[in-house]
Amino acid sequence: MNEDTEGVAIRLWRDRAQLREQERNEAQARLRIAEEKIAILMAENDRLVTENARLRALGSPDAGSARTETDLQMEALKGALMSLISRPADSLNS
C-alpha cells in the first residue's frame, strides 16, 4: 500500500509540474503577443508623430502668411477709414 501511495503522490506531483509548465508556456505566448502588439502600437505612434510634425510644418507657413495677409488688409482698411474720418464733413457729401 505504501508503494501505491508513493505512486499516486508521484503522479500528482508530475501532473502539477506539467500543469505549471503548461501555464508558464501559455503566459509566455501571451507575453509574446503583447510585445508584438506594443511594437505595432509604438510604430504607429512614431508614424503619427512624424505625420503631425509634417502637418504642423505645412500649416505654419500658411498660417503665418495668412496672418500677414490679414494684417496687411487690416492696415489698408484702417488707413482708408482714418482718411475718411479725418476729412471734413463737407467733402464727404460731395
PDB file of N, CA and C in Angstrom:
ATOM      1  N   MET A   1       0.819  -1.181   0.000  1.00  0.00           N
ATOM      2  CA  MET A   1       0.000   0.000   0.000  1.00  0.00           C
ATOM      3  C   MET A   1       0.866   1.250   0.000  1.00  0.00           C
ATOM      4  N   ASN A   2       1.991   1.161   0.670  1.00  0.00           N
ATOM      5  CA  ASN A   2       2.891   2.288   0.750  1.00  0.00           C
ATOM      6  C   ASN A   2       3.409   2.665  -0.636  1.00  0.00           C
ATOM      7  N   GLU A   3       3.704   1.638  -1.473  1.00  0.00           N
ATOM      8  CA  GLU A   3       4.159   1.893  -2.834  1.00  0.00           C
ATOM      9  C   GLU A   3       3.060   2.546  -3.658  1.00  0.00           C
ATOM     10  N   ASP A   4       1.825   2.120  -3.452  1.00  0.00           N
ATOM     11  CA  ASP A   4       0.699   2.725  -4.167  1.00  0.00           C
ATOM     12  C   ASP A   4       0.563   4.199  -3.801  1.00  0.00           C
ATOM     13  N   THR A   5       0.722   4.494  -2.525  1.00  0.00           N
ATOM     14  CA  THR A   5       0.623   5.879  -2.064  1.00  0.00           C
ATOM     15  C   THR A   5       1.727   6.719  -2.685  1.00  0.00           C
ATOM     16  N   GLU A   6       2.945   6.157  -2.733  1.00  0.00           N
ATOM     17  CA  GLU A   6       4.055   6.885  -3.346  1.00  0.00           C
ATOM     18  C   GLU A   6       3.808   7.097  -4.837  1.00  0.00           C
ATOM     19  N   GLY A   7       3.267   6.095  -5.508  1.00  0.00           N
ATOM     20  CA  GLY A   7       2.963   6.203  -6.945  1.00  0.00           C
ATOM     21  C   GLY A   7       1.946   7.293  -7.218  1.00  0.00           C
ATOM     22  N   VAL A   8       0.922   7.355  -6.375  1.00  0.00           N
ATOM     23  CA  VAL A   8      -0.104   8.390  -6.523  1.00  0.00           C
ATOM     24  C   VAL A   8       0.505   9.765  -6.283  1.00  0.00           C
ATOM     25  N   ALA A   9       1.326   9.875  -5.247  1.00  0.00           N
ATOM     26  CA  ALA A   9       1.959  11.163  -4.932  1.00  0.00           C
ATOM     27  C   ALA A   9       2.863  11.610  -6.081  1.00  0.00           C
ATOM     28  N   ILE A  10       3.603  10.659  -6.661  1.00  0.00           N
ATOM     29  CA  ILE A  10       4.486  10.999  -7.789  1.00  0.00           C
ATOM     30  C   ILE A  10       3.667  11.455  -8.989  1.00  0.00           C
ATOM     31  N   ARG A  11       2.574  10.763  -9.286  1.00  0.00           N
ATOM     32  CA  ARG A  11       1.710  11.153 -10.410  1.00  0.00           C
ATOM     33  C   ARG A  11       1.113  12.537 -10.184  1.00  0.00           C
ATOM     34  N   LEU A  12       0.659  12.789  -8.945  1.00  0.00           N
ATOM     35  CA  LEU A  12       0.104  14.112  -8.630  1.00  0.00           C
ATOM     36  C   LEU A  12       1.164  15.199  -8.794  1.00  0.00           C
ATOM     37  N   TRP A  13       2.372  14.911  -8.323  1.00  0.00           N
ATOM     38  CA  TRP A  13       3.457  15.887  -8.438  1.00  0.00           C
ATOM     39  C   TRP A  13       3.764  16.158  -9.910  1.00  0.00           C
ATOM     40  N   ARG A  14       3.839  15.086 -10.739  1.00  0.00           N
ATOM     41  CA  ARG A  14       4.084  15.240 -12.178  1.00  0.00           C
ATOM     42  C   ARG A  14       2.960  16.015 -12.850  1.00  0.00           C
ATOM     43  N   ASP A  15       1.725  15.707 -12.476  1.00  0.00           N
ATOM     44  CA  ASP A  15       0.580  16.416 -13.061  1.00  0.00           C
ATOM     45  C   ASP A  15       0.646  17.903 -12.733  1.00  0.00           C
ATOM     46  N   ARG A  16       0.968  18.209 -11.480  1.00  0.00           N
ATOM     47  CA  ARG A  16       1.074  19.624 -11.080  1.00  0.00           C
ATOM     48  C   ARG A  16       2.221  20.311 -11.817  1.00  0.00           C
ATOM     49  N   ALA A  17       3.345  19.614 -11.925  1.00  0.00           N
ATOM     50  CA  ALA A  17       4.503  20.186 -12.628  1.00  0.00           C
ATOM     51  C   ALA A  17       4.159  20.422 -14.101  1.00  0.00           C
ATOM     52  N   GLN A  18       3.462  19.461 -14.694  1.00  0.00           N
ATOM     53  CA  GLN A  18       3.062  19.600 -16.097  1.00  0.00           C
ATOM     54  C   GLN A  18       2.074  20.761 -16.262  1.00  0.00           C
ATOM     55  N   LEU A  19       1.154  20.887 -15.323  1.00  0.00           N
ATOM     56  CA  LEU A  19       0.182  21.974 -15.367  1.00  0.00           C
ATOM     57  C   LEU A  19       0.880  23.332 -15.236  1.00  0.00           C
ATOM     58  N   ARG A  20       1.837  23.421 -14.307  1.00  0.00           N
ATOM     59  CA  ARG A  20       2.589  24.680 -14.141  1.00  0.00           C
ATOM     60  C   ARG A  20       3.386  25.011 -15.406  1.00  0.00           C
ATOM     61  N   GLU A  21       3.970  23.991 -16.021  1.00  0.00           N
ATOM     62  CA  GLU A  21       4.737  24.206 -17.248  1.00  0.00           C
ATOM     63  C   GLU A  21       3.815  24.690 -18.375  1.00  0.00           C
ATOM     64  N   GLN A  22       2.642  24.085 -18.461  1.00  0.00           N
ATOM     65  CA  GLN A  22       1.671  24.500 -19.474  1.00  0.00           C
ATOM     66  C   GLN A  22       1.222  25.943 -19.227  1.00  0.00           C
ATOM     67  N   GLU A  23       0.947  26.278 -17.974  1.00  0.00           N
ATOM     68  CA  GLU A  23       0.556  27.652 -17.640  1.00  0.00           C
ATOM     69  C   GLU A  23       1.676  28.634 -17.968  1.00  0.00           C
ATOM     70  N   ARG A  24       2.924  28.231 -17.674  1.00  0.00           N
ATOM     71  CA  ARG A  24       4.070  29.087 -17.989  1.00  0.00           C
ATOM     72  C   ARG A  24       4.183  29.303 -19.500  1.00  0.00           C
ATOM     73  N   ASN A  25       4.016  28.231 -20.270  1.00  0.00           N
ATOM     74  CA  ASN A  25       4.090  28.341 -21.729  1.00  0.00           C
ATOM     75  C   ASN A  25       2.992  29.255 -22.275  1.00  0.00           C
ATOM     76  N   GLU A  26       1.786  29.126 -21.725  1.00  0.00           N
ATOM     77  CA  GLU A  26       0.685  29.989 -22.156  1.00  0.00           C
ATOM     78  C   GLU A  26       0.956  31.446 -21.801  1.00  0.00           C
ATOM     79  N   ALA A  27       1.512  31.672 -20.614  1.00  0.00           N
ATOM     80  CA  ALA A  27       1.846  33.037 -20.198  1.00  0.00           C
ATOM     81  C   ALA A  27       2.925  33.617 -21.106  1.00  0.00           C
ATOM     82  N   GLN A  28       3.907  32.808 -21.481  1.00  0.00           N
ATOM     83  CA  GLN A  28       4.951  33.281 -22.386  1.00  0.00           C
ATOM     84  C   GLN A  28       4.374  33.605 -23.765  1.00  0.00           C
ATOM     85  N   ALA A  29       3.430  32.793 -24.226  1.00  0.00           N
ATOM     86  CA  ALA A  29       2.787  33.060 -25.513  1.00  0.00           C
ATOM     87  C   ALA A  29       2.003  34.373 -25.450  1.00  0.00           C
ATOM     88  N   ARG A  30       1.269  34.595 -24.346  1.00  0.00           N
ATOM     89  CA  ARG A  30       0.534  35.857 -24.186  1.00  0.00           C
ATOM     90  C   ARG A  30       1.494  37.038 -24.135  1.00  0.00           C
ATOM     91  N   LEU A  31       2.636  36.840 -23.475  1.00  0.00           N
ATOM     92  CA  LEU A  31       3.644  37.894 -23.393  1.00  0.00           C
ATOM     93  C   LEU A  31       4.188  38.232 -24.776  1.00  0.00           C
ATOM     94  N   ARG A  32       4.484  37.217 -25.578  1.00  0.00           N
ATOM     95  CA  ARG A  32       4.979  37.469 -26.939  1.00  0.00           C
ATOM     96  C   ARG A  32       3.951  38.237 -27.758  1.00  0.00           C
ATOM     97  N   ILE A  33       2.683  37.849 -27.639  1.00  0.00           N
ATOM     98  CA  ILE A  33       1.618  38.547 -28.368  1.00  0.00           C
ATOM     99  C   ILE A  33       1.526  39.996 -27.904  1.00  0.00           C
ATOM    100  N   ALA A  34       1.601  40.206 -26.598  1.00  0.00           N
ATOM    101  CA  ALA A  34       1.540  41.570 -26.055  1.00  0.00           C
ATOM    102  C   ALA A  34       2.730  42.393 -26.536  1.00  0.00           C
ATOM    103  N   GLU A  35       3.919  41.794 -26.564  1.00  0.00           N
ATOM    104  CA  GLU A  35       5.104  42.512 -27.045  1.00  0.00           C
ATOM    105  C   GLU A  35       4.960  42.888 -28.514  1.00  0.00           C
ATOM    106  N   GLU A  36       4.392  41.981 -29.322  1.00  0.00           N
ATOM    107  CA  GLU A  36       4.166  42.281 -30.741  1.00  0.00           C
ATOM    108  C   GLU A  36       3.174  43.431 -30.891  1.00  0.00           C
ATOM    109  N   LYS A  37       2.104  43.402 -30.092  1.00  0.00           N
ATOM    110  CA  LYS A  37       1.122  44.486 -30.148  1.00  0.00           C
ATOM    111  C   LYS A  37       1.755  45.810 -29.740  1.00  0.00           C
ATOM    112  N   ILE A  38       2.602  45.783 -28.709  1.00  0.00           N
ATOM    113  CA  ILE A  38       3.286  47.002 -28.268  1.00  0.00           C
ATOM    114  C   ILE A  38       4.177  47.533 -29.378  1.00  0.00           C
ATOM    115  N   ALA A  39       4.909  46.641 -30.040  1.00  0.00           N
ATOM    116  CA  ALA A  39       5.785  47.067 -31.135  1.00  0.00           C
ATOM    117  C   ALA A  39       4.970  47.698 -32.262  1.00  0.00           C
ATOM    118  N   ILE A  40       3.829  47.109 -32.577  1.00  0.00           N
ATOM    119  CA  ILE A  40       2.956  47.655 -33.624  1.00  0.00           C
ATOM    120  C   ILE A  40       2.433  49.024 -33.210  1.00  0.00           C
ATOM    121  N   LEU A  41       1.981  49.147 -31.958  1.00  0.00           N
ATOM    122  CA  LEU A  41       1.455  50.427 -31.478  1.00  0.00           C
ATOM    123  C   LEU A  41       2.538  51.500 -31.418  1.00  0.00           C
ATOM    124  N   MET A  42       3.751  51.116 -31.025  1.00  0.00           N
ATOM    125  CA  MET A  42       4.840  52.092 -30.979  1.00  0.00           C
ATOM    126  C   MET A  42       5.202  52.568 -32.385  1.00  0.00           C
ATOM    127  N   ALA A  43       5.208  51.650 -33.347  1.00  0.00           N
ATOM    128  CA  ALA A  43       5.482  52.034 -34.732  1.00  0.00           C
ATOM    129  C   ALA A  43       4.392  52.972 -35.242  1.00  0.00           C
ATOM    130  N   GLU A  44       3.144  52.672 -34.928  1.00  0.00           N
ATOM    131  CA  GLU A  44       2.030  53.539 -35.328  1.00  0.00           C
ATOM    132  C   GLU A  44       2.152  54.903 -34.659  1.00  0.00           C
ATOM    133  N   ASN A  45       2.528  54.921 -33.391  1.00  0.00           N
ATOM    134  CA  ASN A  45       2.709  56.180 -32.673  1.00  0.00           C
ATOM    135  C   ASN A  45       3.819  57.012 -33.318  1.00  0.00           C
ATOM    136  N   ASP A  46       4.934  56.370 -33.650  1.00  0.00           N
ATOM    137  CA  ASP A  46       6.032  57.081 -34.313  1.00  0.00           C
ATOM    138  C   ASP A  46       5.579  57.653 -35.652  1.00  0.00           C
ATOM    139  N   ARG A  47       4.799  56.861 -36.399  1.00  0.00           N
ATOM    140  CA  ARG A  47       4.293  57.326 -37.692  1.00  0.00           C
ATOM    141  C   ARG A  47       3.388  58.542 -37.505  1.00  0.00           C
ATOM    142  N   LEU A  48       2.535  58.495 -36.488  1.00  0.00           N
ATOM    143  CA  LEU A  48       1.630  59.614 -36.232  1.00  0.00           C
ATOM    144  C   LEU A  48       2.382  60.855 -35.765  1.00  0.00           C
ATOM    145  N   VAL A  49       3.422  60.671 -34.965  1.00  0.00           N
ATOM    146  CA  VAL A  49       4.243  61.810 -34.531  1.00  0.00           C
ATOM    147  C   VAL A  49       4.880  62.471 -35.749  1.00  0.00           C
ATOM    148  N   THR A  50       5.412  61.649 -36.651  1.00  0.00           N
ATOM    149  CA  THR A  50       6.029  62.176 -37.872  1.00  0.00           C
ATOM    150  C   THR A  50       4.995  62.897 -38.730  1.00  0.00           C
ATOM    151  N   GLU A  51       3.825  62.298 -38.869  1.00  0.00           N
ATOM    152  CA  GLU A  51       2.753  62.914 -39.665  1.00  0.00           C
ATOM    153  C   GLU A  51       2.304  64.232 -39.044  1.00  0.00           C
ATOM    154  N   ASN A  52       2.164  64.272 -37.718  1.00  0.00           N
ATOM    155  CA  ASN A  52       1.787  65.523 -37.038  1.00  0.00           C
ATOM    156  C   ASN A  52       2.832  66.602 -37.266  1.00  0.00           C
ATOM    157  N   ALA A  53       4.102  66.234 -37.165  1.00  0.00           N
ATOM    158  CA  ALA A  53       5.177  67.210 -37.384  1.00  0.00           C
ATOM    159  C   ALA A  53       5.137  67.728 -38.813  1.00  0.00           C
ATOM    160  N   ARG A  54       4.893  66.826 -39.766  1.00  0.00           N
ATOM    161  CA  ARG A  54       4.816  67.236 -41.172  1.00  0.00           C
ATOM    162  C   ARG A  54       3.651  68.194 -41.391  1.00  0.00           C
ATOM    163  N   LEU A  55       2.507  67.871 -40.823  1.00  0.00           N
ATOM    164  CA  LEU A  55       1.330  68.725 -40.992  1.00  0.00           C
ATOM    165  C   LEU A  55       1.518  70.073 -40.309  1.00  0.00           C
ATOM    166  N   ARG A  56       2.156  70.070 -39.150  1.00  0.00           N
ATOM    167  CA  ARG A  56       2.425  71.345 -38.472  1.00  0.00           C
ATOM    168  C   ARG A  56       3.368  72.204 -39.303  1.00  0.00           C
ATOM    169  N   ALA A  57       4.368  71.570 -39.904  1.00  0.00           N
ATOM    170  CA  ALA A  57       5.313  72.308 -40.738  1.00  0.00           C
ATOM    171  C   ALA A  57       4.607  72.880 -41.959  1.00  0.00           C
ATOM    172  N   LEU A  58       3.681  72.119 -42.516  1.00  0.00           N
ATOM    173  CA  LEU A  58       2.919  72.621 -43.662  1.00  0.00           C
ATOM    174  C   LEU A  58       1.969  73.731 -43.243  1.00  0.00           C
ATOM    175  N   GLY A  59       1.368  73.584 -42.076  1.00  0.00           N
ATOM    176  CA  GLY A  59       0.380  74.556 -41.605  1.00  0.00           C
ATOM    177  C   GLY A  59       0.996  75.851 -41.138  1.00  0.00           C
ATOM    178  N   SER A  60       2.175  75.806 -40.595  1.00  0.00           N
ATOM    179  CA  SER A  60       2.793  77.008 -40.034  1.00  0.00           C
ATOM    180  C   SER A  60       3.057  78.094 -41.065  1.00  0.00           C
ATOM    181  N   PRO A  61       3.696  77.809 -42.200  1.00  0.00           N
ATOM    182  CA  PRO A  61       3.927  78.888 -43.165  1.00  0.00           C
ATOM    183  C   PRO A  61       2.622  79.467 -43.701  1.00  0.00           C
ATOM    184  N   ASP A  62       1.657  78.615 -43.982  1.00  0.00           N
ATOM    185  CA  ASP A  62       0.380  79.109 -44.486  1.00  0.00           C
ATOM    186  C   ASP A  62      -0.318  79.962 -43.442  1.00  0.00           C
ATOM    187  N   ALA A  63      -0.290  79.496 -42.215  1.00  0.00           N
ATOM    188  CA  ALA A  63      -0.935  80.256 -41.141  1.00  0.00           C
ATOM    189  C   ALA A  63      -0.235  81.597 -40.970  1.00  0.00           C
ATOM    190  N   GLY A  64       1.074  81.601 -41.035  1.00  0.00           N
ATOM    191  CA  GLY A  64       1.826  82.848 -40.903  1.00  0.00           C
ATOM    192  C   GLY A  64       1.553  83.792 -42.053  1.00  0.00           C
ATOM    193  N   SER A  65       1.533  83.269 -43.276  1.00  0.00           N
ATOM    194  CA  SER A  65       1.271  84.138 -44.424  1.00  0.00           C
ATOM    195  C   SER A  65      -0.177  84.610 -44.417  1.00  0.00           C
ATOM    196  N   ALA A  66      -1.092  83.757 -43.964  1.00  0.00           N
ATOM    197  CA  ALA A  66      -2.494  84.178 -43.876  1.00  0.00           C
ATOM    198  C   ALA A  66      -2.639  85.293 -42.847  1.00  0.00           C
ATOM    199  N   ARG A  67      -1.949  85.161 -41.725  1.00  0.00           N
ATOM    200  CA  ARG A  67      -1.994  86.215 -40.714  1.00  0.00           C
ATOM    201  C   ARG A  67      -1.371  87.498 -41.254  1.00  0.00           C
ATOM    202  N   THR A  68      -0.256  87.368 -41.942  1.00  0.00           N
ATOM    203  CA  THR A  68       0.403  88.543 -42.511  1.00  0.00           C
ATOM    204  C   THR A  68      -0.509  89.212 -43.530  1.00  0.00           C
ATOM    205  N   GLU A  69      -1.132  88.414 -44.375  1.00  0.00           N
ATOM    206  CA  GLU A  69      -2.054  88.971 -45.373  1.00  0.00           C
ATOM    207  C   GLU A  69      -3.220  89.668 -44.686  1.00  0.00           C
ATOM    208  N   THR A  70      -3.770  89.059 -43.670  1.00  0.00           N
ATOM    209  CA  THR A  70      -4.871  89.666 -42.922  1.00  0.00           C
ATOM    210  C   THR A  70      -4.419  90.959 -42.258  1.00  0.00           C
ATOM    211  N   ASP A  71      -3.220  90.943 -41.676  1.00  0.00           N
ATOM    212  CA  ASP A  71      -2.693  92.163 -41.052  1.00  0.00           C
ATOM    213  C   ASP A  71      -2.549  93.279 -42.079  1.00  0.00           C
ATOM    214  N   LEU A  72      -2.048  92.947 -43.260  1.00  0.00           N
ATOM    215  CA  LEU A  72      -1.904  93.962 -44.316  1.00  0.00           C
ATOM    216  C   LEU A  72      -3.265  94.509 -44.738  1.00  0.00           C
ATOM    217  N   GLN A  73      -4.234  93.620 -44.876  1.00  0.00           N
ATOM    218  CA  GLN A  73      -5.580  94.065 -45.250  1.00  0.00           C
ATOM    219  C   GLN A  73      -6.170  94.956 -44.161  1.00  0.00           C
ATOM    220  N   MET A  74      -5.952  94.589 -42.910  1.00  0.00           N
ATOM    221  CA  MET A  74      -6.466  95.408 -41.807  1.00  0.00           C
ATOM    222  C   MET A  74      -5.802  96.782 -41.795  1.00  0.00           C
ATOM    223  N   GLU A  75      -4.504  96.832 -42.046  1.00  0.00           N
ATOM    224  CA  GLU A  75      -3.802  98.115 -42.096  1.00  0.00           C
ATOM    225  C   GLU A  75      -4.334  98.973 -43.239  1.00  0.00           C
ATOM    226  N   ALA A  76      -4.571  98.364 -44.402  1.00  0.00           N
ATOM    227  CA  ALA A  76      -5.109  99.116 -45.541  1.00  0.00           C
ATOM    228  C   ALA A  76      -6.501  99.641 -45.214  1.00  0.00           C
ATOM    229  N   LEU A  77      -7.329  98.810 -44.611  1.00  0.00           N
ATOM    230  CA  LEU A  77      -8.679  99.223 -44.234  1.00  0.00           C
ATOM    231  C   LEU A  77      -8.625 100.326 -43.186  1.00  0.00           C
ATOM    232  N   LYS A  78      -7.747 100.182 -42.231  1.00  0.00           N
ATOM    233  CA  LYS A  78      -7.590 101.199 -41.187  1.00  0.00           C
ATOM    234  C   LYS A  78      -7.156 102.524 -41.807  1.00  0.00           C
ATOM    235  N   GLY A  79      -6.204 102.458 -42.737  1.00  0.00           N
ATOM    236  CA  GLY A  79      -5.748 103.675 -43.418  1.00  0.00           C
ATOM    237  C   GLY A  79      -6.879 104.343 -44.183  1.00  0.00           C
ATOM    238  N   ALA A  80      -7.676 103.551 -44.885  1.00  0.00           N
ATOM    239  CA  ALA A  80      -8.792 104.110 -45.652  1.00  0.00           C
ATOM    240  C   ALA A  80      -9.821 104.731 -44.718  1.00  0.00           C
ATOM    241  N   LEU A  81     -10.129 104.041 -43.636  1.00  0.00           N
ATOM    242  CA  LEU A  81     -11.110 104.579 -42.690  1.00  0.00           C
ATOM    243  C   LEU A  81     -10.586 105.832 -41.996  1.00  0.00           C
ATOM    244  N   MET A  82      -9.319 105.834 -41.648  1.00  0.00           N
ATOM    245  CA  MET A  82      -8.737 107.012 -40.992  1.00  0.00           C
ATOM    246  C   MET A  82      -8.764 108.219 -41.927  1.00  0.00           C
ATOM    247  N   SER A  83      -8.509 107.981 -43.219  1.00  0.00           N
ATOM    248  CA  SER A  83      -8.552 109.113 -44.153  1.00  0.00           C
ATOM    249  C   SER A  83      -9.979 109.629 -44.293  1.00  0.00           C
ATOM    250  N   LEU A  84     -10.961 108.721 -44.244  1.00  0.00           N
ATOM    251  CA  LEU A  84     -12.357 109.169 -44.313  1.00  0.00           C
ATOM    252  C   LEU A  84     -12.741 109.936 -43.049  1.00  0.00           C
ATOM    253  N   ILE A  85     -12.287 109.472 -41.919  1.00  0.00           N
ATOM    254  CA  ILE A  85     -12.610 110.131 -40.654  1.00  0.00           C
ATOM    255  C   ILE A  85     -11.963 111.508 -40.575  1.00  0.00           C
ATOM    256  N   SER A  86     -10.759 111.622 -41.097  1.00  0.00           N
ATOM    257  CA  SER A  86     -10.043 112.895 -40.984  1.00  0.00           C
ATOM    258  C   SER A  86     -10.533 113.946 -41.980  1.00  0.00           C
ATOM    259  N   ARG A  87     -11.308 113.563 -42.973  1.00  0.00           N
ATOM    260  CA  ARG A  87     -11.862 114.538 -43.924  1.00  0.00           C
ATOM    261  C   ARG A  87     -12.925 115.387 -43.239  1.00  0.00           C
ATOM    262  N   PRO A  88     -13.037 116.607 -43.698  1.00  0.00           N
ATOM    263  CA  PRO A  88     -14.143 117.429 -43.181  1.00  0.00           C
ATOM    264  C   PRO A  88     -15.490 116.866 -43.645  1.00  0.00           C
ATOM    265  N   ALA A  89     -16.532 117.116 -42.897  1.00  0.00           N
ATOM    266  CA  ALA A  89     -17.874 116.604 -43.197  1.00  0.00           C
ATOM    267  C   ALA A  89     -18.362 117.087 -44.553  1.00  0.00           C
ATOM    268  N   ASP A  90     -17.989 118.291 -45.025  1.00  0.00           N
ATOM    269  CA  ASP A  90     -18.447 118.817 -46.314  1.00  0.00           C
ATOM    270  C   ASP A  90     -17.970 117.940 -47.460  1.00  0.00           C
ATOM    271  N   SER A  91     -16.717 117.498 -47.398  1.00  0.00           N
ATOM    272  CA  SER A  91     -16.161 116.754 -48.525  1.00  0.00           C
ATOM    273  C   SER A  91     -16.761 115.357 -48.631  1.00  0.00           C
ATOM    274  N   LEU A  92     -17.318 114.825 -47.563  1.00  0.00           N
ATOM    275  CA  LEU A  92     -17.943 113.512 -47.615  1.00  0.00           C
ATOM    276  C   LEU A  92     -19.233 113.558 -48.421  1.00  0.00           C
ATOM    277  N   ASN A  93     -19.948 114.681 -48.396  1.00  0.00           N
ATOM    278  CA  ASN A  93     -21.218 114.788 -49.094  1.00  0.00           C
ATOM    279  C   ASN A  93     -21.025 115.109 -50.563  1.00  0.00           C
ATOM    280  N   SER A  94     -19.885 115.589 -50.965  1.00  0.00           N
ATOM    281  CA  SER A  94     -19.712 115.985 -52.356  1.00  0.00           C
ATOM    282  C   SER A  94     -19.193 114.894 -53.232  1.00  0.00           C
TER     283      SER A  94
END
